């Protein structure tokens, strides 16, 4: 899990935005449009990051279409402290 989080956050170009999505969803679930508004990112950009996070087991979704709600997966919830540790080490350098 540690390697996967390092790759998703620090090892790829969109890592900062993926970290922002994870941090936002730690507080509550969102749909893609809500995330777009909260994070100030384009809807298509959010959809891309949601797909990457979903494909890697970091988030899950409920529902379909426009109203699909996204949640942190139980695996991500269980490793959130690890995510925070990684983000503390690299977050300020990547902004």
PDB file of N, CA and C in Angstrom:
ATOM      1  N   UNK A   1       0.821  -1.196   0.000  1.00  0.00           N
ATOM      2  CA  UNK A   1       0.000   0.000   0.000  1.00  0.00           C
ATOM      3  C   UNK A   1       0.864   1.258   0.000  1.00  0.00           C
ATOM      4  N   UNK A   2       1.946   1.224   0.757  1.00  0.00           N
ATOM      5  CA  UNK A   2       2.819   2.394   0.837  1.00  0.00           C
ATOM      6  C   UNK A   2       3.385   2.733  -0.546  1.00  0.00           C
ATOM      7  N   UNK A   3       3.830   1.730  -1.267  1.00  0.00           N
ATOM      8  CA  UNK A   3       4.377   1.958  -2.615  1.00  0.00           C
ATOM      9  C   UNK A   3       3.318   2.506  -3.552  1.00  0.00           C
ATOM     10  N   UNK A   4       2.118   1.965  -3.468  1.00  0.00           N
ATOM     11  CA  UNK A   4       1.034   2.425  -4.329  1.00  0.00           C
ATOM     12  C   UNK A   4       0.708   3.887  -4.044  1.00  0.00           C
ATOM     13  N   UNK A   5       0.612   4.253  -2.781  1.00  0.00           N
ATOM     14  CA  UNK A   5       0.331   5.650  -2.438  1.00  0.00           C
ATOM     15  C   UNK A   5       1.453   6.579  -2.890  1.00  0.00           C
ATOM     16  N   UNK A   6       2.700   6.156  -2.710  1.00  0.00           N
ATOM     17  CA  UNK A   6       3.817   6.981  -3.190  1.00  0.00           C
ATOM     18  C   UNK A   6       3.700   7.200  -4.689  1.00  0.00           C
ATOM     19  N   UNK A   7       3.394   6.138  -5.421  1.00  0.00           N
ATOM     20  CA  UNK A   7       3.280   6.265  -6.876  1.00  0.00           C
ATOM     21  C   UNK A   7       2.114   7.167  -7.256  1.00  0.00           C
ATOM     22  N   UNK A   8       0.942   6.979  -6.631  1.00  0.00           N
ATOM     23  CA  UNK A   8      -0.250   7.760  -6.971  1.00  0.00           C
ATOM     24  C   UNK A   8      -0.088   9.245  -6.648  1.00  0.00           C
ATOM     25  N   UNK A   9       0.681   9.556  -5.607  1.00  0.00           N
ATOM     26  CA  UNK A   9       0.800  10.945  -5.174  1.00  0.00           C
ATOM     27  C   UNK A   9       2.080  11.610  -5.687  1.00  0.00           C
ATOM     28  N   UNK A  10       3.203  10.935  -5.544  1.00  0.00           N
ATOM     29  CA  UNK A  10       4.484  11.561  -5.885  1.00  0.00           C
ATOM     30  C   UNK A  10       5.045  11.107  -7.218  1.00  0.00           C
ATOM     31  N   UNK A  11       4.627   9.961  -7.681  1.00  0.00           N
ATOM     32  CA  UNK A  11       5.257   9.391  -8.864  1.00  0.00           C
ATOM     33  C   UNK A  11       4.606   9.742 -10.179  1.00  0.00           C
ATOM     34  N   UNK A  12       3.515  10.472 -10.148  1.00  0.00           N
ATOM     35  CA  UNK A  12       2.806  10.806 -11.383  1.00  0.00           C
ATOM     36  C   UNK A  12       2.455  12.286 -11.405  1.00  0.00           C
ATOM     37  N   UNK A  13       2.229  12.776 -12.592  1.00  0.00           N
ATOM     38  CA  UNK A  13       1.984  14.197 -12.795  1.00  0.00           C
ATOM     39  C   UNK A  13       0.763  14.725 -12.026  1.00  0.00           C
ATOM     40  N   UNK A  14      -0.298  13.952 -11.967  1.00  0.00           N
ATOM     41  CA  UNK A  14      -1.523  14.408 -11.317  1.00  0.00           C
ATOM     42  C   UNK A  14      -1.610  14.089  -9.835  1.00  0.00           C
ATOM     43  N   UNK A  15      -0.501  13.726  -9.226  1.00  0.00           N
ATOM     44  CA  UNK A  15      -0.509  13.289  -7.842  1.00  0.00           C
ATOM     45  C   UNK A  15      -1.056  14.298  -6.851  1.00  0.00           C
ATOM     46  N   UNK A  16      -0.739  15.556  -7.051  1.00  0.00           N
ATOM     47  CA  UNK A  16      -1.220  16.588  -6.127  1.00  0.00           C
ATOM     48  C   UNK A  16      -2.743  16.642  -6.157  1.00  0.00           C
ATOM     49  N   UNK A  17      -3.321  16.608  -7.345  1.00  0.00           N
ATOM     50  CA  UNK A  17      -4.780  16.650  -7.442  1.00  0.00           C
ATOM     51  C   UNK A  17      -5.418  15.383  -6.884  1.00  0.00           C
ATOM     52  N   UNK A  18      -4.786  14.234  -7.091  1.00  0.00           N
ATOM     53  CA  UNK A  18      -5.317  13.004  -6.507  1.00  0.00           C
ATOM     54  C   UNK A  18      -5.272  13.079  -4.976  1.00  0.00           C
ATOM     55  N   UNK A  19      -4.206  13.638  -4.434  1.00  0.00           N
ATOM     56  CA  UNK A  19      -4.115  13.812  -2.982  1.00  0.00           C
ATOM     57  C   UNK A  19      -5.209  14.753  -2.487  1.00  0.00           C
ATOM     58  N   UNK A  20      -5.485  15.798  -3.227  1.00  0.00           N
ATOM     59  CA  UNK A  20      -6.547  16.734  -2.843  1.00  0.00           C
ATOM     60  C   UNK A  20      -7.907  16.053  -2.849  1.00  0.00           C
ATOM     61  N   UNK A  21      -8.135  15.173  -3.817  1.00  0.00           N
ATOM     62  CA  UNK A  21      -9.393  14.418  -3.881  1.00  0.00           C
ATOM     63  C   UNK A  21      -9.506  13.515  -2.655  1.00  0.00           C
ATOM     64  N   UNK A  22      -8.442  12.802  -2.337  1.00  0.00           N
ATOM     65  CA  UNK A  22      -8.451  11.905  -1.169  1.00  0.00           C
ATOM     66  C   UNK A  22      -8.727  12.698   0.105  1.00  0.00           C
ATOM     67  N   UNK A  23      -8.047  13.841   0.261  1.00  0.00           N
ATOM     68  CA  UNK A  23      -8.248  14.663   1.460  1.00  0.00           C
ATOM     69  C   UNK A  23      -9.693  15.152   1.555  1.00  0.00           C
ATOM     70  N   UNK A  24     -10.273  15.572   0.443  1.00  0.00           N
ATOM     71  CA  UNK A  24     -11.659  16.052   0.448  1.00  0.00           C
ATOM     72  C   UNK A  24     -12.621  14.930   0.822  1.00  0.00           C
ATOM     73  N   UNK A  25     -12.402  13.752   0.275  1.00  0.00           N
ATOM     74  CA  UNK A  25     -13.309  12.638   0.526  1.00  0.00           C
ATOM     75  C   UNK A  25     -13.128  12.038   1.918  1.00  0.00           C
ATOM     76  N   UNK A  26     -12.076  12.410   2.596  1.00  0.00           N
ATOM     77  CA  UNK A  26     -11.902  11.940   3.972  1.00  0.00           C
ATOM     78  C   UNK A  26     -12.984  12.543   4.869  1.00  0.00           C
ATOM     79  N   UNK A  27     -13.437  13.740   4.528  1.00  0.00           N
ATOM     80  CA  UNK A  27     -14.456  14.423   5.321  1.00  0.00           C
ATOM     81  C   UNK A  27     -15.866  13.952   4.999  1.00  0.00           C
ATOM     82  N   UNK A  28     -16.122  13.679   3.698  1.00  0.00           N
ATOM     83  CA  UNK A  28     -17.469  13.288   3.277  1.00  0.00           C
ATOM     84  C   UNK A  28     -17.435  12.792   1.840  1.00  0.00           C
ATOM     85  N   UNK A  29     -18.466  12.066   1.415  1.00  0.00           N
ATOM     86  CA  UNK A  29     -18.519  11.630   0.012  1.00  0.00           C
ATOM     87  C   UNK A  29     -18.933  12.784  -0.896  1.00  0.00           C
ATOM     88  N   UNK A  30     -18.551  12.689  -2.152  1.00  0.00           N
ATOM     89  CA  UNK A  30     -18.891  13.700  -3.151  1.00  0.00           C
ATOM     90  C   UNK A  30     -19.243  13.021  -4.458  1.00  0.00           C
ATOM     91  N   UNK A  31     -19.986  13.756  -5.310  1.00  0.00           N
ATOM     92  CA  UNK A  31     -20.070  13.339  -6.704  1.00  0.00           C
ATOM     93  C   UNK A  31     -19.035  14.153  -7.473  1.00  0.00           C
ATOM     94  N   UNK A  32     -18.828  13.819  -8.731  1.00  0.00           N
ATOM     95  CA  UNK A  32     -17.757  14.458  -9.503  1.00  0.00           C
ATOM     96  C   UNK A  32     -17.963  15.965  -9.628  1.00  0.00           C
ATOM     97  N   UNK A  33     -19.202  16.396  -9.824  1.00  0.00           N
ATOM     98  CA  UNK A  33     -19.469  17.826  -9.968  1.00  0.00           C
ATOM     99  C   UNK A  33     -19.159  18.578  -8.676  1.00  0.00           C
ATOM    100  N   UNK A  34     -19.538  18.007  -7.552  1.00  0.00           N
ATOM    101  CA  UNK A  34     -19.250  18.647  -6.261  1.00  0.00           C
ATOM    102  C   UNK A  34     -17.749  18.759  -6.031  1.00  0.00           C
ATOM    103  N   UNK A  35     -17.014  17.693  -6.348  1.00  0.00           N
ATOM    104  CA  UNK A  35     -15.552  17.742  -6.212  1.00  0.00           C
ATOM    105  C   UNK A  35     -14.955  18.811  -7.111  1.00  0.00           C
ATOM    106  N   UNK A  36     -15.478  18.907  -8.320  1.00  0.00           N
ATOM    107  CA  UNK A  36     -14.999  19.918  -9.260  1.00  0.00           C
ATOM    108  C   UNK A  36     -15.136  21.313  -8.665  1.00  0.00           C
ATOM    109  N   UNK A  37     -16.279  21.581  -8.059  1.00  0.00           N
ATOM    110  CA  UNK A  37     -16.519  22.893  -7.453  1.00  0.00           C
ATOM    111  C   UNK A  37     -15.643  23.119  -6.214  1.00  0.00           C
ATOM    112  N   UNK A  38     -15.585  22.128  -5.344  1.00  0.00           N
ATOM    113  CA  UNK A  38     -14.835  22.264  -4.087  1.00  0.00           C
ATOM    114  C   UNK A  38     -13.339  22.445  -4.343  1.00  0.00           C
ATOM    115  N   UNK A  39     -12.808  21.704  -5.313  1.00  0.00           N
ATOM    116  CA  UNK A  39     -11.368  21.744  -5.576  1.00  0.00           C
ATOM    117  C   UNK A  39     -10.976  22.742  -6.669  1.00  0.00           C
ATOM    118  N   UNK A  40     -11.954  23.329  -7.327  1.00  0.00           N
ATOM    119  CA  UNK A  40     -11.658  24.310  -8.372  1.00  0.00           C
ATOM    120  C   UNK A  40     -10.973  23.703  -9.587  1.00  0.00           C
ATOM    121  N   UNK A  41     -11.368  22.468  -9.920  1.00  0.00           N
ATOM    122  CA  UNK A  41     -10.780  21.774 -11.063  1.00  0.00           C
ATOM    123  C   UNK A  41     -11.856  21.478 -12.096  1.00  0.00           C
ATOM    124  N   UNK A  42     -11.437  21.324 -13.332  1.00  0.00           N
ATOM    125  CA  UNK A  42     -12.330  20.991 -14.426  1.00  0.00           C
ATOM    126  C   UNK A  42     -12.995  19.638 -14.165  1.00  0.00           C
ATOM    127  N   UNK A  43     -14.254  19.505 -14.554  1.00  0.00           N
ATOM    128  CA  UNK A  43     -15.018  18.273 -14.344  1.00  0.00           C
ATOM    129  C   UNK A  43     -14.319  17.072 -14.978  1.00  0.00           C
ATOM    130  N   UNK A  44     -13.811  17.227 -16.188  1.00  0.00           N
ATOM    131  CA  UNK A  44     -13.131  16.111 -16.866  1.00  0.00           C
ATOM    132  C   UNK A  44     -11.848  15.716 -16.130  1.00  0.00           C
ATOM    133  N   UNK A  45     -11.163  16.684 -15.560  1.00  0.00           N
ATOM    134  CA  UNK A  45      -9.964  16.402 -14.768  1.00  0.00           C
ATOM    135  C   UNK A  45     -10.337  15.574 -13.541  1.00  0.00           C
ATOM    136  N   UNK A  46     -11.408  15.967 -12.875  1.00  0.00           N
ATOM    137  CA  UNK A  46     -11.878  15.224 -11.699  1.00  0.00           C
ATOM    138  C   UNK A  46     -12.242  13.800 -12.099  1.00  0.00           C
ATOM    139  N   UNK A  47     -12.981  13.645 -13.195  1.00  0.00           N
ATOM    140  CA  UNK A  47     -13.382  12.311 -13.644  1.00  0.00           C
ATOM    141  C   UNK A  47     -12.159  11.436 -13.907  1.00  0.00           C
ATOM    142  N   UNK A  48     -11.121  12.005 -14.500  1.00  0.00           N
ATOM    143  CA  UNK A  48      -9.889  11.255 -14.759  1.00  0.00           C
ATOM    144  C   UNK A  48      -9.271  10.768 -13.444  1.00  0.00           C
ATOM    145  N   UNK A  49      -9.145  11.668 -12.475  1.00  0.00           N
ATOM    146  CA  UNK A  49      -8.528  11.306 -11.201  1.00  0.00           C
ATOM    147  C   UNK A  49      -9.388  10.302 -10.424  1.00  0.00           C
ATOM    148  N   UNK A  50     -10.700  10.432 -10.516  1.00  0.00           N
ATOM    149  CA  UNK A  50     -11.578   9.461  -9.868  1.00  0.00           C
ATOM    150  C   UNK A  50     -11.381   8.076 -10.479  1.00  0.00           C
ATOM    151  N   UNK A  51     -11.204   8.016 -11.793  1.00  0.00           N
ATOM    152  CA  UNK A  51     -10.978   6.724 -12.451  1.00  0.00           C
ATOM    153  C   UNK A  51      -9.652   6.115 -11.994  1.00  0.00           C
ATOM    154  N   UNK A  52      -8.596   6.915 -11.959  1.00  0.00           N
ATOM    155  CA  UNK A  52      -7.289   6.411 -11.513  1.00  0.00           C
ATOM    156  C   UNK A  52      -7.376   5.898 -10.074  1.00  0.00           C
ATOM    157  N   UNK A  53      -8.006   6.671  -9.211  1.00  0.00           N
ATOM    158  CA  UNK A  53      -8.132   6.260  -7.809  1.00  0.00           C
ATOM    159  C   UNK A  53      -9.000   5.012  -7.668  1.00  0.00           C
ATOM    160  N   UNK A  54     -10.065   4.941  -8.438  1.00  0.00           N
ATOM    161  CA  UNK A  54     -10.939   3.775  -8.410  1.00  0.00           C
ATOM    162  C   UNK A  54     -10.228   2.535  -8.940  1.00  0.00           C
ATOM    163  N   UNK A  55      -9.535   2.679 -10.061  1.00  0.00           N
ATOM    164  CA  UNK A  55      -8.803   1.556 -10.656  1.00  0.00           C
ATOM    165  C   UNK A  55      -7.749   0.994  -9.706  1.00  0.00           C
ATOM    166  N   UNK A  56      -7.265   1.823  -8.790  1.00  0.00           N
ATOM    167  CA  UNK A  56      -6.228   1.403  -7.845  1.00  0.00           C
ATOM    168  C   UNK A  56      -6.782   1.094  -6.451  1.00  0.00           C
ATOM    169  N   UNK A  57      -8.106   1.006  -6.330  1.00  0.00           N
ATOM    170  CA  UNK A  57      -8.733   0.589  -5.088  1.00  0.00           C
ATOM    171  C   UNK A  57      -8.742   1.609  -3.964  1.00  0.00           C
ATOM    172  N   UNK A  58      -8.512   2.876  -4.289  1.00  0.00           N
ATOM    173  CA  UNK A  58      -8.476   3.906  -3.262  1.00  0.00           C
ATOM    174  C   UNK A  58      -9.862   4.451  -2.941  1.00  0.00           C
ATOM    175  N   UNK A  59     -10.771   4.394  -3.922  1.00  0.00           N
ATOM    176  CA  UNK A  59     -12.130   4.889  -3.718  1.00  0.00           C
ATOM    177  C   UNK A  59     -13.127   3.871  -4.256  1.00  0.00           C
ATOM    178  N   UNK A  60     -14.360   4.001  -3.806  1.00  0.00           N
ATOM    179  CA  UNK A  60     -15.464   3.193  -4.310  1.00  0.00           C
ATOM    180  C   UNK A  60     -16.582   4.155  -4.702  1.00  0.00           C
ATOM    181  N   UNK A  61     -17.544   3.649  -5.442  1.00  0.00           N
ATOM    182  CA  UNK A  61     -18.651   4.498  -5.857  1.00  0.00           C
ATOM    183  C   UNK A  61     -19.974   3.787  -5.631  1.00  0.00           C
ATOM    184  N   UNK A  62     -21.023   4.595  -5.485  1.00  0.00           N
ATOM    185  CA  UNK A  62     -22.379   4.100  -5.325  1.00  0.00           C
ATOM    186  C   UNK A  62     -23.257   4.893  -6.275  1.00  0.00           C
ATOM    187  N   UNK A  63     -24.135   4.197  -6.968  1.00  0.00           N
ATOM    188  CA  UNK A  63     -25.029   4.863  -7.903  1.00  0.00           C
ATOM    189  C   UNK A  63     -24.443   4.852  -9.300  1.00  0.00           C
ATOM    190  N   UNK A  64     -25.075   5.606 -10.160  1.00  0.00           N
ATOM    191  CA  UNK A  64     -24.614   5.645 -11.538  1.00  0.00           C
ATOM    192  C   UNK A  64     -24.864   6.993 -12.176  1.00  0.00           C
ATOM    193  N   UNK A  65     -24.216   7.188 -13.310  1.00  0.00           N
ATOM    194  CA  UNK A  65     -24.390   8.427 -14.057  1.00  0.00           C
ATOM    195  C   UNK A  65     -23.899   9.640 -13.304  1.00  0.00           C
ATOM    196  N   UNK A  66     -24.589  10.751 -13.555  1.00  0.00           N
ATOM    197  CA  UNK A  66     -24.193  12.033 -12.992  1.00  0.00           C
ATOM    198  C   UNK A  66     -24.201  12.036 -11.467  1.00  0.00           C
ATOM    199  N   UNK A  67     -25.113  11.260 -10.866  1.00  0.00           N
ATOM    200  CA  UNK A  67     -25.260  11.275  -9.409  1.00  0.00           C
ATOM    201  C   UNK A  67     -24.379  10.292  -8.669  1.00  0.00           C
ATOM    202  N   UNK A  68     -23.452   9.647  -9.354  1.00  0.00           N
ATOM    203  CA  UNK A  68     -22.573   8.687  -8.691  1.00  0.00           C
ATOM    204  C   UNK A  68     -21.834   9.369  -7.538  1.00  0.00           C
ATOM    205  N   UNK A  69     -21.916   8.748  -6.368  1.00  0.00           N
ATOM    206  CA  UNK A  69     -21.219   9.279  -5.205  1.00  0.00           C
ATOM    207  C   UNK A  69     -19.956   8.464  -4.980  1.00  0.00           C
ATOM    208  N   UNK A  70     -18.882   9.149  -4.644  1.00  0.00           N
ATOM    209  CA  UNK A  70     -17.578   8.518  -4.427  1.00  0.00           C
ATOM    210  C   UNK A  70     -17.201   8.607  -2.956  1.00  0.00           C
ATOM    211  N   UNK A  71     -16.668   7.503  -2.448  1.00  0.00           N
ATOM    212  CA  UNK A  71     -16.252   7.368  -1.049  1.00  0.00           C
ATOM    213  C   UNK A  71     -14.835   6.821  -1.019  1.00  0.00           C
ATOM    214  N   UNK A  72     -14.103   7.088   0.050  1.00  0.00           N
ATOM    215  CA  UNK A  72     -12.832   6.397   0.241  1.00  0.00           C
ATOM    216  C   UNK A  72     -13.135   4.920   0.466  1.00  0.00           C
ATOM    217  N   UNK A  73     -12.325   4.062  -0.104  1.00  0.00           N
ATOM    218  CA  UNK A  73     -12.499   2.624   0.116  1.00  0.00           C
ATOM    219  C   UNK A  73     -12.114   2.286   1.548  1.00  0.00           C
ATOM    220  N   UNK A  74     -12.539   1.125   2.008  1.00  0.00           N
ATOM    221  CA  UNK A  74     -12.173   0.711   3.365  1.00  0.00           C
ATOM    222  C   UNK A  74     -10.657   0.548   3.489  1.00  0.00           C
ATOM    223  N   UNK A  75     -10.011   0.133   2.401  1.00  0.00           N
ATOM    224  CA  UNK A  75      -8.540   0.011   2.396  1.00  0.00           C
ATOM    225  C   UNK A  75      -7.899   1.386   2.582  1.00  0.00           C
ATOM    226  N   UNK A  76      -8.409   2.378   1.857  1.00  0.00           N
ATOM    227  CA  UNK A  76      -7.851   3.734   1.977  1.00  0.00           C
ATOM    228  C   UNK A  76      -8.139   4.307   3.359  1.00  0.00           C
ATOM    229  N   UNK A  77      -9.334   4.095   3.858  1.00  0.00           N
ATOM    230  CA  UNK A  77      -9.669   4.579   5.207  1.00  0.00           C
ATOM    231  C   UNK A  77      -8.720   3.975   6.238  1.00  0.00           C
ATOM    232  N   UNK A  78      -8.426   2.679   6.081  1.00  0.00           N
ATOM    233  CA  UNK A  78      -7.540   2.002   7.011  1.00  0.00           C
ATOM    234  C   UNK A  78      -6.089   2.444   6.916  1.00  0.00           C
ATOM    235  N   UNK A  79      -5.739   3.045   5.773  1.00  0.00           N
ATOM    236  CA  UNK A  79      -4.364   3.504   5.557  1.00  0.00           C
ATOM    237  C   UNK A  79      -4.266   5.023   5.453  1.00  0.00           C
ATOM    238  N   UNK A  80      -5.277   5.724   5.946  1.00  0.00           N
ATOM    239  CA  UNK A  80      -5.272   7.179   5.818  1.00  0.00           C
ATOM    240  C   UNK A  80      -4.100   7.824   6.559  1.00  0.00           C
ATOM    241  N   UNK A  81      -3.723   7.265   7.681  1.00  0.00           N
ATOM    242  CA  UNK A  81      -2.567   7.804   8.420  1.00  0.00           C
ATOM    243  C   UNK A  81      -1.296   7.702   7.571  1.00  0.00           C
ATOM    244  N   UNK A  82      -1.163   6.631   6.826  1.00  0.00           N
ATOM    245  CA  UNK A  82      -0.027   6.467   5.913  1.00  0.00           C
ATOM    246  C   UNK A  82      -0.067   7.520   4.812  1.00  0.00           C
ATOM    247  N   UNK A  83      -1.257   7.772   4.268  1.00  0.00           N
ATOM    248  CA  UNK A  83      -1.424   8.828   3.268  1.00  0.00           C
ATOM    249  C   UNK A  83      -0.982  10.175   3.844  1.00  0.00           C
ATOM    250  N   UNK A  84      -1.435  10.491   5.051  1.00  0.00           N
ATOM    251  CA  UNK A  84      -1.066  11.770   5.674  1.00  0.00           C
ATOM    252  C   UNK A  84       0.437  11.874   5.882  1.00  0.00           C
ATOM    253  N   UNK A  85       1.047  10.770   6.265  1.00  0.00           N
ATOM    254  CA  UNK A  85       2.505  10.744   6.461  1.00  0.00           C
ATOM    255  C   UNK A  85       3.232  11.055   5.145  1.00  0.00           C
ATOM    256  N   UNK A  86       2.800  10.446   4.082  1.00  0.00           N
ATOM    257  CA  UNK A  86       3.406  10.689   2.763  1.00  0.00           C
ATOM    258  C   UNK A  86       3.159  12.128   2.337  1.00  0.00           C
ATOM    259  N   UNK A  87       1.940  12.606   2.518  1.00  0.00           N
ATOM    260  CA  UNK A  87       1.602  13.966   2.105  1.00  0.00           C
ATOM    261  C   UNK A  87       2.416  14.999   2.893  1.00  0.00           C
ATOM    262  N   UNK A  88       2.662  14.750   4.173  1.00  0.00           N
ATOM    263  CA  UNK A  88       3.487  15.663   4.966  1.00  0.00           C
ATOM    264  C   UNK A  88       4.901  15.745   4.413  1.00  0.00           C
ATOM    265  N   UNK A  89       5.421  14.626   3.960  1.00  0.00           N
ATOM    266  CA  UNK A  89       6.790  14.591   3.436  1.00  0.00           C
ATOM    267  C   UNK A  89       6.916  15.291   2.081  1.00  0.00           C
ATOM    268  N   UNK A  90       5.899  15.206   1.255  1.00  0.00           N
ATOM    269  CA  UNK A  90       6.048  15.716  -0.113  1.00  0.00           C
ATOM    270  C   UNK A  90       5.072  16.803  -0.493  1.00  0.00           C
ATOM    271  N   UNK A  91       3.999  16.967   0.265  1.00  0.00           N
ATOM    272  CA  UNK A  91       2.921  17.902  -0.107  1.00  0.00           C
ATOM    273  C   UNK A  91       3.396  19.309  -0.372  1.00  0.00           C
ATOM    274  N   UNK A  92       4.175  19.869   0.494  1.00  0.00           N
ATOM    275  CA  UNK A  92       4.628  21.250   0.319  1.00  0.00           C
ATOM    276  C   UNK A  92       5.570  21.405  -0.862  1.00  0.00           C
ATOM    277  N   UNK A  93       6.300  20.366  -1.191  1.00  0.00           N
ATOM    278  CA  UNK A  93       7.239  20.425  -2.316  1.00  0.00           C
ATOM    279  C   UNK A  93       6.538  20.361  -3.655  1.00  0.00           C
ATOM    280  N   UNK A  94       5.331  19.737  -3.693  1.00  0.00           N
ATOM    281  CA  UNK A  94       4.644  19.533  -4.956  1.00  0.00           C
ATOM    282  C   UNK A  94       3.653  20.635  -5.294  1.00  0.00           C
ATOM    283  N   UNK A  95       3.309  21.468  -4.356  1.00  0.00           N
ATOM    284  CA  UNK A  95       2.292  22.510  -4.592  1.00  0.00           C
ATOM    285  C   UNK A  95       2.809  23.549  -5.552  1.00  0.00           C
TER     286      UNK A  95
END
